[in-house]
Amino acid sequence: MGFNEFQGKVLGLIGVAGGSTGAINSLNGLRTIGRALRAWVIPNQVSIPQAWQMFDDSGQIKDSDLEKRLKEVGHEVARFAFLHTSEQAIEFLQKWEEAQTNPGAEDR
């Protein structure tokens, strides 16, 4: 996988780990990789330490705070993906690209 799969896409990061320290280092590495592949990585992320204890036998989350954090990541991905592709954003970028050069930005 490379630029074709990630460039311009919005990414949300969620990591699980069996140990008590979670997946913070893995998430930080994935954030760097996502940015290198020109993806838009949202600021929020979730690391789930001892993931084997966080879900019941049917796969439901036991911890309501964790569930809230996971949903927040999902909402941010959806919100930024919408903004990234909305007609208003595209129209704004087209107008910005067509705008006259700022006369104060000329090299002196």
PDB file of N, CA and C in Angstrom:
ATOM      1  N   MET A   1       0.843  -1.175   0.000  1.00  0.00           N
ATOM      2  CA  MET A   1       0.000   0.000   0.000  1.00  0.00           C
ATOM      3  C   MET A   1       0.889   1.239   0.000  1.00  0.00           C
ATOM      4  N   GLY A   2       0.383   2.292  -0.611  1.00  0.00           N
ATOM      5  CA  GLY A   2       1.181   3.504  -0.692  1.00  0.00           C
ATOM      6  C   GLY A   2       0.324   4.727  -0.936  1.00  0.00           C
ATOM      7  N   PHE A   3       0.883   5.673  -1.730  1.00  0.00           N
ATOM      8  CA  PHE A   3       0.210   6.943  -1.976  1.00  0.00           C
ATOM      9  C   PHE A   3      -1.187   6.751  -2.562  1.00  0.00           C
ATOM     10  N   ASN A   4      -1.333   5.827  -3.503  1.00  0.00           N
ATOM     11  CA  ASN A   4      -2.639   5.644  -4.154  1.00  0.00           C
ATOM     12  C   ASN A   4      -3.737   5.320  -3.159  1.00  0.00           C
ATOM     13  N   GLU A   5      -3.423   4.583  -2.133  1.00  0.00           N
ATOM     14  CA  GLU A   5      -4.429   4.176  -1.158  1.00  0.00           C
ATOM     15  C   GLU A   5      -4.681   5.217  -0.072  1.00  0.00           C
ATOM     16  N   PHE A   6      -3.692   6.075   0.228  1.00  0.00           N
ATOM     17  CA  PHE A   6      -3.813   6.973   1.375  1.00  0.00           C
ATOM     18  C   PHE A   6      -3.856   8.456   1.046  1.00  0.00           C
ATOM     19  N   GLN A   7      -3.267   8.877  -0.050  1.00  0.00           N
ATOM     20  CA  GLN A   7      -3.184  10.301  -0.354  1.00  0.00           C
ATOM     21  C   GLN A   7      -4.558  10.938  -0.392  1.00  0.00           C
ATOM     22  N   GLY A   8      -4.727  12.006   0.387  1.00  0.00           N
ATOM     23  CA  GLY A   8      -5.974  12.745   0.428  1.00  0.00           C
ATOM     24  C   GLY A   8      -7.070  12.116   1.277  1.00  0.00           C
ATOM     25  N   LYS A   9      -6.808  10.958   1.861  1.00  0.00           N
ATOM     26  CA  LYS A   9      -7.804  10.286   2.691  1.00  0.00           C
ATOM     27  C   LYS A   9      -7.699  10.782   4.135  1.00  0.00           C
ATOM     28  N   VAL A  10      -8.796  10.682   4.864  1.00  0.00           N
ATOM     29  CA  VAL A  10      -8.833  11.041   6.281  1.00  0.00           C
ATOM     30  C   VAL A  10      -8.668   9.754   7.088  1.00  0.00           C
ATOM     31  N   LEU A  11      -7.728   9.762   8.034  1.00  0.00           N
ATOM     32  CA  LEU A  11      -7.459   8.579   8.851  1.00  0.00           C
ATOM     33  C   LEU A  11      -7.720   8.853  10.323  1.00  0.00           C
ATOM     34  N   GLY A  12      -8.331   7.909  10.974  1.00  0.00           N
ATOM     35  CA  GLY A  12      -8.470   7.910  12.429  1.00  0.00           C
ATOM     36  C   GLY A  12      -7.701   6.719  12.964  1.00  0.00           C
ATOM     37  N   LEU A  13      -6.972   6.906  14.031  1.00  0.00           N
ATOM     38  CA  LEU A  13      -6.110   5.849  14.555  1.00  0.00           C
ATOM     39  C   LEU A  13      -6.654   5.269  15.859  1.00  0.00           C
ATOM     40  N   ILE A  14      -6.763   3.950  15.887  1.00  0.00           N
ATOM     41  CA  ILE A  14      -7.168   3.209  17.077  1.00  0.00           C
ATOM     42  C   ILE A  14      -6.207   2.037  17.193  1.00  0.00           C
ATOM     43  N   GLY A  15      -5.609   1.879  18.362  1.00  0.00           N
ATOM     44  CA  GLY A  15      -4.677   0.780  18.575  1.00  0.00           C
ATOM     45  C   GLY A  15      -5.077  -0.053  19.766  1.00  0.00           C
ATOM     46  N   VAL A  16      -4.866  -1.347  19.669  1.00  0.00           N
ATOM     47  CA  VAL A  16      -5.146  -2.257  20.778  1.00  0.00           C
ATOM     48  C   VAL A  16      -3.860  -2.971  21.161  1.00  0.00           C
ATOM     49  N   ALA A  17      -3.765  -3.318  22.426  1.00  0.00           N
ATOM     50  CA  ALA A  17      -2.593  -4.040  22.918  1.00  0.00           C
ATOM     51  C   ALA A  17      -3.018  -4.955  24.055  1.00  0.00           C
ATOM     52  N   GLY A  18      -2.270  -6.004  24.227  1.00  0.00           N
ATOM     53  CA  GLY A  18      -2.548  -6.932  25.312  1.00  0.00           C
ATOM     54  C   GLY A  18      -1.976  -6.464  26.632  1.00  0.00           C
ATOM     55  N   GLY A  19      -0.953  -5.641  26.592  1.00  0.00           N
ATOM     56  CA  GLY A  19      -0.286  -5.182  27.805  1.00  0.00           C
ATOM     57  C   GLY A  19      -0.897  -3.921  28.376  1.00  0.00           C
ATOM     58  N   SER A  20      -0.339  -3.479  29.486  1.00  0.00           N
ATOM     59  CA  SER A  20      -0.893  -2.332  30.206  1.00  0.00           C
ATOM     60  C   SER A  20      -0.487  -0.982  29.627  1.00  0.00           C
ATOM     61  N   THR A  21       0.537  -0.943  28.775  1.00  0.00           N
ATOM     62  CA  THR A  21       0.977   0.349  28.236  1.00  0.00           C
ATOM     63  C   THR A  21       0.218   0.760  26.987  1.00  0.00           C
ATOM     64  N   GLY A  22      -0.527  -0.131  26.401  1.00  0.00           N
ATOM     65  CA  GLY A  22      -1.317   0.224  25.234  1.00  0.00           C
ATOM     66  C   GLY A  22      -0.491   0.301  23.973  1.00  0.00           C
ATOM     67  N   ALA A  23      -1.011   1.004  22.990  1.00  0.00           N
ATOM     68  CA  ALA A  23      -0.403   1.044  21.664  1.00  0.00           C
ATOM     69  C   ALA A  23       0.055   2.445  21.277  1.00  0.00           C
ATOM     70  N   ILE A  24       0.386   3.256  22.256  1.00  0.00           N
ATOM     71  CA  ILE A  24       0.751   4.656  21.980  1.00  0.00           C
ATOM     72  C   ILE A  24       1.906   4.762  20.996  1.00  0.00           C
ATOM     73  N   ASN A  25       2.980   4.013  21.196  1.00  0.00           N
ATOM     74  CA  ASN A  25       4.121   4.101  20.282  1.00  0.00           C
ATOM     75  C   ASN A  25       3.745   3.656  18.873  1.00  0.00           C
ATOM     76  N   SER A  26       2.932   2.627  18.771  1.00  0.00           N
ATOM     77  CA  SER A  26       2.471   2.175  17.452  1.00  0.00           C
ATOM     78  C   SER A  26       1.630   3.245  16.778  1.00  0.00           C
ATOM     79  N   LEU A  27       0.745   3.879  17.537  1.00  0.00           N
ATOM     80  CA  LEU A  27      -0.098   4.932  16.979  1.00  0.00           C
ATOM     81  C   LEU A  27       0.740   6.117  16.519  1.00  0.00           C
ATOM     82  N   ASN A  28       1.752   6.479  17.291  1.00  0.00           N
ATOM     83  CA  ASN A  28       2.630   7.578  16.891  1.00  0.00           C
ATOM     84  C   ASN A  28       3.358   7.243  15.592  1.00  0.00           C
ATOM     85  N   GLY A  29       3.806   6.002  15.450  1.00  0.00           N
ATOM     86  CA  GLY A  29       4.450   5.570  14.208  1.00  0.00           C
ATOM     87  C   GLY A  29       3.486   5.600  13.033  1.00  0.00           C
ATOM     88  N   LEU A  30       2.259   5.130  13.261  1.00  0.00           N
ATOM     89  CA  LEU A  30       1.259   5.144  12.197  1.00  0.00           C
ATOM     90  C   LEU A  30       0.881   6.566  11.791  1.00  0.00           C
ATOM     91  N   ARG A  31       0.875   7.475  12.763  1.00  0.00           N
ATOM     92  CA  ARG A  31       0.590   8.881  12.460  1.00  0.00           C
ATOM     93  C   ARG A  31       1.656   9.425  11.507  1.00  0.00           C
ATOM     94  N   THR A  32       2.907   9.135  11.790  1.00  0.00           N
ATOM     95  CA  THR A  32       4.009   9.588  10.940  1.00  0.00           C
ATOM     96  C   THR A  32       3.905   8.971   9.545  1.00  0.00           C
ATOM     97  N   ILE A  33       3.592   7.685   9.480  1.00  0.00           N
ATOM     98  CA  ILE A  33       3.461   7.008   8.195  1.00  0.00           C
ATOM     99  C   ILE A  33       2.289   7.596   7.406  1.00  0.00           C
ATOM    100  N   GLY A  34       1.161   7.823   8.076  1.00  0.00           N
ATOM    101  CA  GLY A  34       0.008   8.413   7.401  1.00  0.00           C
ATOM    102  C   GLY A  34       0.337   9.773   6.807  1.00  0.00           C
ATOM    103  N   ARG A  35       1.039  10.578   7.567  1.00  0.00           N
ATOM    104  CA  ARG A  35       1.416  11.908   7.068  1.00  0.00           C
ATOM    105  C   ARG A  35       2.396  11.796   5.906  1.00  0.00           C
ATOM    106  N   ALA A  36       3.325  10.838   5.978  1.00  0.00           N
ATOM    107  CA  ALA A  36       4.289  10.644   4.890  1.00  0.00           C
ATOM    108  C   ALA A  36       3.590  10.197   3.606  1.00  0.00           C
ATOM    109  N   LEU A  37       2.465   9.498   3.755  1.00  0.00           N
ATOM    110  CA  LEU A  37       1.694   9.045   2.602  1.00  0.00           C
ATOM    111  C   LEU A  37       0.644  10.084   2.181  1.00  0.00           C
ATOM    112  N   ARG A  38       0.762  11.293   2.731  1.00  0.00           N
ATOM    113  CA  ARG A  38      -0.088  12.446   2.395  1.00  0.00           C
ATOM    114  C   ARG A  38      -1.555  12.240   2.752  1.00  0.00           C
ATOM    115  N   ALA A  39      -1.782  11.524   3.842  1.00  0.00           N
ATOM    116  CA  ALA A  39      -3.136  11.366   4.363  1.00  0.00           C
ATOM    117  C   ALA A  39      -3.386  12.462   5.390  1.00  0.00           C
ATOM    118  N   TRP A  40      -4.657  12.713   5.679  1.00  0.00           N
ATOM    119  CA  TRP A  40      -5.053  13.664   6.712  1.00  0.00           C
ATOM    120  C   TRP A  40      -5.353  12.850   7.965  1.00  0.00           C
ATOM    121  N   VAL A  41      -4.426  12.851   8.915  1.00  0.00           N
ATOM    122  CA  VAL A  41      -4.600  12.076  10.147  1.00  0.00           C
ATOM    123  C   VAL A  41      -5.223  12.986  11.201  1.00  0.00           C
ATOM    124  N   ILE A  42      -6.397  12.599  11.695  1.00  0.00           N
ATOM    125  CA  ILE A  42      -7.076  13.446  12.674  1.00  0.00           C
ATOM    126  C   ILE A  42      -6.264  13.500  13.967  1.00  0.00           C
ATOM    127  N   PRO A  43      -6.387  14.576  14.732  1.00  0.00           N
ATOM    128  CA  PRO A  43      -5.595  14.723  15.961  1.00  0.00           C
ATOM    129  C   PRO A  43      -5.942  13.697  17.045  1.00  0.00           C
ATOM    130  N   ASN A  44      -7.211  13.339  17.149  1.00  0.00           N
ATOM    131  CA  ASN A  44      -7.654  12.429  18.208  1.00  0.00           C
ATOM    132  C   ASN A  44      -7.294  10.993  17.849  1.00  0.00           C
ATOM    133  N   GLN A  45      -6.954  10.189  18.851  1.00  0.00           N
ATOM    134  CA  GLN A  45      -6.675   8.775  18.653  1.00  0.00           C
ATOM    135  C   GLN A  45      -7.025   8.038  19.938  1.00  0.00           C
ATOM    136  N   VAL A  46      -7.156   6.714  19.848  1.00  0.00           N
ATOM    137  CA  VAL A  46      -7.488   5.913  21.023  1.00  0.00           C
ATOM    138  C   VAL A  46      -6.537   4.738  21.091  1.00  0.00           C
ATOM    139  N   SER A  47      -5.945   4.557  22.257  1.00  0.00           N
ATOM    140  CA  SER A  47      -5.129   3.386  22.545  1.00  0.00           C
ATOM    141  C   SER A  47      -5.873   2.562  23.594  1.00  0.00           C
ATOM    142  N   ILE A  48      -6.026   1.279  23.325  1.00  0.00           N
ATOM    143  CA  ILE A  48      -6.770   0.413  24.235  1.00  0.00           C
ATOM    144  C   ILE A  48      -5.811  -0.604  24.852  1.00  0.00           C
ATOM    145  N   PRO A  49      -5.345  -0.321  26.081  1.00  0.00           N
ATOM    146  CA  PRO A  49      -4.484  -1.295  26.751  1.00  0.00           C
ATOM    147  C   PRO A  49      -5.317  -2.467  27.273  1.00  0.00           C
ATOM    148  N   GLN A  50      -4.686  -3.606  27.402  1.00  0.00           N
ATOM    149  CA  GLN A  50      -5.356  -4.819  27.899  1.00  0.00           C
ATOM    150  C   GLN A  50      -6.707  -5.006  27.201  1.00  0.00           C
ATOM    151  N   ALA A  51      -6.664  -4.967  25.892  1.00  0.00           N
ATOM    152  CA  ALA A  51      -7.893  -5.012  25.094  1.00  0.00           C
ATOM    153  C   ALA A  51      -8.718  -6.258  25.377  1.00  0.00           C
ATOM    154  N   TRP A  52      -8.079  -7.321  25.748  1.00  0.00           N
ATOM    155  CA  TRP A  52      -8.806  -8.563  26.022  1.00  0.00           C
ATOM    156  C   TRP A  52      -9.768  -8.426  27.189  1.00  0.00           C
ATOM    157  N   GLN A  53      -9.573  -7.401  28.035  1.00  0.00           N
ATOM    158  CA  GLN A  53     -10.477  -7.173  29.172  1.00  0.00           C
ATOM    159  C   GLN A  53     -11.571  -6.145  28.864  1.00  0.00           C
ATOM    160  N   MET A  54     -11.452  -5.455  27.742  1.00  0.00           N
ATOM    161  CA  MET A  54     -12.342  -4.329  27.447  1.00  0.00           C
ATOM    162  C   MET A  54     -13.628  -4.714  26.724  1.00  0.00           C
ATOM    163  N   PHE A  55     -13.714  -5.955  26.256  1.00  0.00           N
ATOM    164  CA  PHE A  55     -14.876  -6.386  25.483  1.00  0.00           C
ATOM    165  C   PHE A  55     -15.463  -7.643  26.103  1.00  0.00           C
ATOM    166  N   ASP A  56     -16.795  -7.768  26.023  1.00  0.00           N
ATOM    167  CA  ASP A  56     -17.426  -8.978  26.549  1.00  0.00           C
ATOM    168  C   ASP A  56     -17.380 -10.079  25.482  1.00  0.00           C
ATOM    169  N   ASP A  57     -17.953 -11.225  25.794  1.00  0.00           N
ATOM    170  CA  ASP A  57     -17.899 -12.373  24.886  1.00  0.00           C
ATOM    171  C   ASP A  57     -18.583 -12.119  23.544  1.00  0.00           C
ATOM    172  N   SER A  58     -19.529 -11.191  23.514  1.00  0.00           N
ATOM    173  CA  SER A  58     -20.213 -10.884  22.254  1.00  0.00           C
ATOM    174  C   SER A  58     -19.532  -9.753  21.484  1.00  0.00           C
ATOM    175  N   GLY A  59     -18.402  -9.232  22.022  1.00  0.00           N
ATOM    176  CA  GLY A  59     -17.660  -8.173  21.347  1.00  0.00           C
ATOM    177  C   GLY A  59     -18.091  -6.766  21.712  1.00  0.00           C
ATOM    178  N   GLN A  60     -18.993  -6.632  22.669  1.00  0.00           N
ATOM    179  CA  GLN A  60     -19.455  -5.306  23.100  1.00  0.00           C
ATOM    180  C   GLN A  60     -18.450  -4.694  24.078  1.00  0.00           C
ATOM    181  N   ILE A  61     -18.302  -3.378  23.996  1.00  0.00           N
ATOM    182  CA  ILE A  61     -17.384  -2.666  24.881  1.00  0.00           C
ATOM    183  C   ILE A  61     -17.981  -2.608  26.284  1.00  0.00           C
ATOM    184  N   LYS A  62     -17.162  -2.931  27.276  1.00  0.00           N
ATOM    185  CA  LYS A  62     -17.620  -2.910  28.665  1.00  0.00           C
ATOM    186  C   LYS A  62     -17.556  -1.510  29.278  1.00  0.00           C
ATOM    187  N   ASP A  63     -16.588  -0.716  28.864  1.00  0.00           N
ATOM    188  CA  ASP A  63     -16.306   0.582  29.466  1.00  0.00           C
ATOM    189  C   ASP A  63     -16.990   1.696  28.659  1.00  0.00           C
ATOM    190  N   SER A  64     -17.935   2.409  29.276  1.00  0.00           N
ATOM    191  CA  SER A  64     -18.676   3.457  28.555  1.00  0.00           C
ATOM    192  C   SER A  64     -17.781   4.630  28.165  1.00  0.00           C
ATOM    193  N   ASP A  65     -16.752   4.945  28.976  1.00  0.00           N
ATOM    194  CA  ASP A  65     -15.830   6.023  28.613  1.00  0.00           C
ATOM    195  C   ASP A  65     -15.028   5.654  27.362  1.00  0.00           C
ATOM    196  N   LEU A  66     -14.584   4.405  27.280  1.00  0.00           N
ATOM    197  CA  LEU A  66     -13.859   3.942  26.103  1.00  0.00           C
ATOM    198  C   LEU A  66     -14.765   3.978  24.879  1.00  0.00           C
ATOM    199  N   GLU A  67     -15.987   3.546  25.040  1.00  0.00           N
ATOM    200  CA  GLU A  67     -16.943   3.581  23.932  1.00  0.00           C
ATOM    201  C   GLU A  67     -17.130   5.014  23.434  1.00  0.00           C
ATOM    202  N   LYS A  68     -17.230   5.947  24.357  1.00  0.00           N
ATOM    203  CA  LYS A  68     -17.386   7.355  23.989  1.00  0.00           C
ATOM    204  C   LYS A  68     -16.169   7.849  23.203  1.00  0.00           C
ATOM    205  N   ARG A  69     -14.967   7.496  23.659  1.00  0.00           N
ATOM    206  CA  ARG A  69     -13.744   7.918  22.975  1.00  0.00           C
ATOM    207  C   ARG A  69     -13.650   7.320  21.570  1.00  0.00           C
ATOM    208  N   LEU A  70     -14.027   6.052  21.434  1.00  0.00           N
ATOM    209  CA  LEU A  70     -14.004   5.412  20.117  1.00  0.00           C
ATOM    210  C   LEU A  70     -14.996   6.083  19.163  1.00  0.00           C
ATOM    211  N   LYS A  71     -16.174   6.391  19.668  1.00  0.00           N
ATOM    212  CA  LYS A  71     -17.178   7.061  18.836  1.00  0.00           C
ATOM    213  C   LYS A  71     -16.714   8.459  18.435  1.00  0.00           C
ATOM    214  N   GLU A  72     -16.001   9.146  19.332  1.00  0.00           N
ATOM    215  CA  GLU A  72     -15.477  10.475  19.004  1.00  0.00           C
ATOM    216  C   GLU A  72     -14.502  10.407  17.839  1.00  0.00           C
ATOM    217  N   VAL A  73     -13.641   9.378  17.826  1.00  0.00           N
ATOM    218  CA  VAL A  73     -12.717   9.215  16.698  1.00  0.00           C
ATOM    219  C   VAL A  73     -13.511   8.989  15.410  1.00  0.00           C
ATOM    220  N   GLY A  74     -14.503   8.127  15.471  1.00  0.00           N
ATOM    221  CA  GLY A  74     -15.336   7.886  14.296  1.00  0.00           C
ATOM    222  C   GLY A  74     -16.049   9.136  13.817  1.00  0.00           C
ATOM    223  N   HIS A  75     -16.580   9.918  14.742  1.00  0.00           N
ATOM    224  CA  HIS A  75     -17.260  11.168  14.374  1.00  0.00           C
ATOM    225  C   HIS A  75     -16.287  12.151  13.733  1.00  0.00           C
ATOM    226  N   GLU A  76     -15.074  12.246  14.270  1.00  0.00           N
ATOM    227  CA  GLU A  76     -14.083  13.164  13.697  1.00  0.00           C
ATOM    228  C   GLU A  76     -13.701  12.743  12.285  1.00  0.00           C
ATOM    229  N   VAL A  77     -13.522  11.460  12.069  1.00  0.00           N
ATOM    230  CA  VAL A  77     -13.188  10.974  10.725  1.00  0.00           C
ATOM    231  C   VAL A  77     -14.313  11.343   9.761  1.00  0.00           C
ATOM    232  N   ALA A  78     -15.552  11.060  10.157  1.00  0.00           N
ATOM    233  CA  ALA A  78     -16.692  11.373   9.292  1.00  0.00           C
ATOM    234  C   ALA A  78     -16.801  12.870   9.039  1.00  0.00           C
ATOM    235  N   ARG A  79     -16.635  13.672  10.079  1.00  0.00           N
ATOM    236  CA  ARG A  79     -16.758  15.135   9.947  1.00  0.00           C
ATOM    237  C   ARG A  79     -15.687  15.691   9.012  1.00  0.00           C
ATOM    238  N   PHE A  80     -14.420  15.289   9.216  1.00  0.00           N
ATOM    239  CA  PHE A  80     -13.346  15.822   8.376  1.00  0.00           C
ATOM    240  C   PHE A  80     -13.410  15.273   6.953  1.00  0.00           C
ATOM    241  N   ALA A  81     -13.860  14.033   6.795  1.00  0.00           N
ATOM    242  CA  ALA A  81     -14.024  13.482   5.447  1.00  0.00           C
ATOM    243  C   ALA A  81     -15.095  14.266   4.696  1.00  0.00           C
ATOM    244  N   PHE A  82     -16.189  14.604   5.373  1.00  0.00           N
ATOM    245  CA  PHE A  82     -17.245  15.404   4.756  1.00  0.00           C
ATOM    246  C   PHE A  82     -16.713  16.782   4.369  1.00  0.00           C
ATOM    247  N   LEU A  83     -16.024  17.441   5.308  1.00  0.00           N
ATOM    248  CA  LEU A  83     -15.492  18.770   5.026  1.00  0.00           C
ATOM    249  C   LEU A  83     -14.488  18.734   3.877  1.00  0.00           C
ATOM    250  N   HIS A  84     -13.718  17.670   3.824  1.00  0.00           N
ATOM    251  CA  HIS A  84     -12.680  17.527   2.807  1.00  0.00           C
ATOM    252  C   HIS A  84     -13.273  17.390   1.406  1.00  0.00           C
ATOM    253  N   THR A  85     -14.484  16.867   1.318  1.00  0.00           N
ATOM    254  CA  THR A  85     -15.087  16.627   0.010  1.00  0.00           C
ATOM    255  C   THR A  85     -16.339  17.465  -0.244  1.00  0.00           C
ATOM    256  N   SER A  86     -16.681  18.363   0.666  1.00  0.00           N
ATOM    257  CA  SER A  86     -17.912  19.145   0.485  1.00  0.00           C
ATOM    258  C   SER A  86     -17.757  20.130  -0.664  1.00  0.00           C
ATOM    259  N   GLU A  87     -18.868  20.422  -1.306  1.00  0.00           N
ATOM    260  CA  GLU A  87     -18.853  21.356  -2.435  1.00  0.00           C
ATOM    261  C   GLU A  87     -18.380  22.737  -2.004  1.00  0.00           C
ATOM    262  N   GLN A  88     -18.751  23.164  -0.797  1.00  0.00           N
ATOM    263  CA  GLN A  88     -18.329  24.480  -0.310  1.00  0.00           C
ATOM    264  C   GLN A  88     -16.809  24.539  -0.167  1.00  0.00           C
ATOM    265  N   ALA A  89     -16.204  23.478   0.358  1.00  0.00           N
ATOM    266  CA  ALA A  89     -14.753  23.463   0.520  1.00  0.00           C
ATOM    267  C   ALA A  89     -14.068  23.461  -0.839  1.00  0.00           C
ATOM    268  N   ILE A  90     -14.581  22.682  -1.765  1.00  0.00           N
ATOM    269  CA  ILE A  90     -13.990  22.615  -3.105  1.00  0.00           C
ATOM    270  C   ILE A  90     -14.121  23.970  -3.803  1.00  0.00           C
ATOM    271  N   GLU A  91     -15.285  24.604  -3.668  1.00  0.00           N
ATOM    272  CA  GLU A  91     -15.501  25.929  -4.268  1.00  0.00           C
ATOM    273  C   GLU A  91     -14.548  26.959  -3.656  1.00  0.00           C
ATOM    274  N   PHE A  92     -14.390  26.917  -2.336  1.00  0.00           N
ATOM    275  CA  PHE A  92     -13.471  27.845  -1.675  1.00  0.00           C
ATOM    276  C   PHE A  92     -12.049  27.657  -2.198  1.00  0.00           C
ATOM    277  N   LEU A  93     -11.599  26.418  -2.317  1.00  0.00           N
ATOM    278  CA  LEU A  93     -10.241  26.161  -2.798  1.00  0.00           C
ATOM    279  C   LEU A  93     -10.053  26.626  -4.238  1.00  0.00           C
ATOM    280  N   GLN A  94     -11.066  26.432  -5.068  1.00  0.00           N
ATOM    281  CA  GLN A  94     -10.976  26.909  -6.449  1.00  0.00           C
ATOM    282  C   GLN A  94     -10.847  28.423  -6.487  1.00  0.00           C
ATOM    283  N   LYS A  95     -11.644  29.120  -5.692  1.00  0.00           N
ATOM    284  CA  LYS A  95     -11.560  30.585  -5.642  1.00  0.00           C
ATOM    285  C   LYS A  95     -10.215  31.033  -5.087  1.00  0.00           C
ATOM    286  N   TRP A  96      -9.722  30.338  -4.100  1.00  0.00           N
ATOM    287  CA  TRP A  96      -8.430  30.694  -3.504  1.00  0.00           C
ATOM    288  C   TRP A  96      -7.313  30.522  -4.521  1.00  0.00           C
ATOM    289  N   GLU A  97      -7.364  29.437  -5.288  1.00  0.00           N
ATOM    290  CA  GLU A  97      -6.329  29.194  -6.291  1.00  0.00           C
ATOM    291  C   GLU A  97      -6.399  30.206  -7.433  1.00  0.00           C
ATOM    292  N   GLU A  98      -7.589  30.728  -7.715  1.00  0.00           N
ATOM    293  CA  GLU A  98      -7.760  31.700  -8.798  1.00  0.00           C
ATOM    294  C   GLU A  98      -7.541  33.144  -8.331  1.00  0.00           C
ATOM    295  N   ALA A  99      -7.424  33.352  -7.061  1.00  0.00           N
ATOM    296  CA  ALA A  99      -7.292  34.715  -6.513  1.00  0.00           C
ATOM    297  C   ALA A  99      -5.982  35.351  -6.955  1.00  0.00           C
ATOM    298  N   GLN A 100      -6.007  36.671  -6.980  1.00  0.00           N
ATOM    299  CA  GLN A 100      -4.790  37.413  -7.341  1.00  0.00           C
ATOM    300  C   GLN A 100      -3.723  37.203  -6.279  1.00  0.00           C
ATOM    301  N   THR A 101      -2.494  37.282  -6.705  1.00  0.00           N
ATOM    302  CA  THR A 101      -1.370  37.157  -5.791  1.00  0.00           C
ATOM    303  C   THR A 101      -1.381  38.316  -4.805  1.00  0.00           C
ATOM    304  N   ASN A 102      -1.096  38.036  -3.594  1.00  0.00           N
ATOM    305  CA  ASN A 102      -0.999  39.074  -2.567  1.00  0.00           C
ATOM    306  C   ASN A 102       0.197  39.955  -2.883  1.00  0.00           C
ATOM    307  N   PRO A 103      -0.017  41.257  -3.126  1.00  0.00           N
ATOM    308  CA  PRO A 103       1.101  42.129  -3.503  1.00  0.00           C
ATOM    309  C   PRO A 103       2.140  42.238  -2.387  1.00  0.00           C
ATOM    310  N   GLY A 104       1.746  42.031  -1.156  1.00  0.00           N
ATOM    311  CA  GLY A 104       2.714  42.099  -0.061  1.00  0.00           C
ATOM    312  C   GLY A 104       3.573  40.863   0.058  1.00  0.00           C
ATOM    313  N   ALA A 105       3.259  39.835  -0.732  1.00  0.00           N
ATOM    314  CA  ALA A 105       4.010  38.584  -0.648  1.00  0.00           C
ATOM    315  C   ALA A 105       5.118  38.496  -1.669  1.00  0.00           C
ATOM    316  N   GLU A 106       5.254  39.542  -2.487  1.00  0.00           N
ATOM    317  CA  GLU A 106       6.301  39.522  -3.528  1.00  0.00           C
ATOM    318  C   GLU A 106       7.676  39.580  -2.882  1.00  0.00           C
ATOM    319  N   ASP A 107       8.623  38.899  -3.518  1.00  0.00           N
ATOM    320  CA  ASP A 107      10.016  38.967  -3.050  1.00  0.00           C
ATOM    321  C   ASP A 107      10.541  40.386  -3.223  1.00  0.00           C
ATOM    322  N   ARG A 108      11.296  40.841  -2.276  1.00  0.00           N
ATOM    323  CA  ARG A 108      11.838  42.200  -2.355  1.00  0.00           C
ATOM    324  C   ARG A 108      13.301  42.155  -2.607  1.00  0.00           C
TER     325      ARG A 108
END
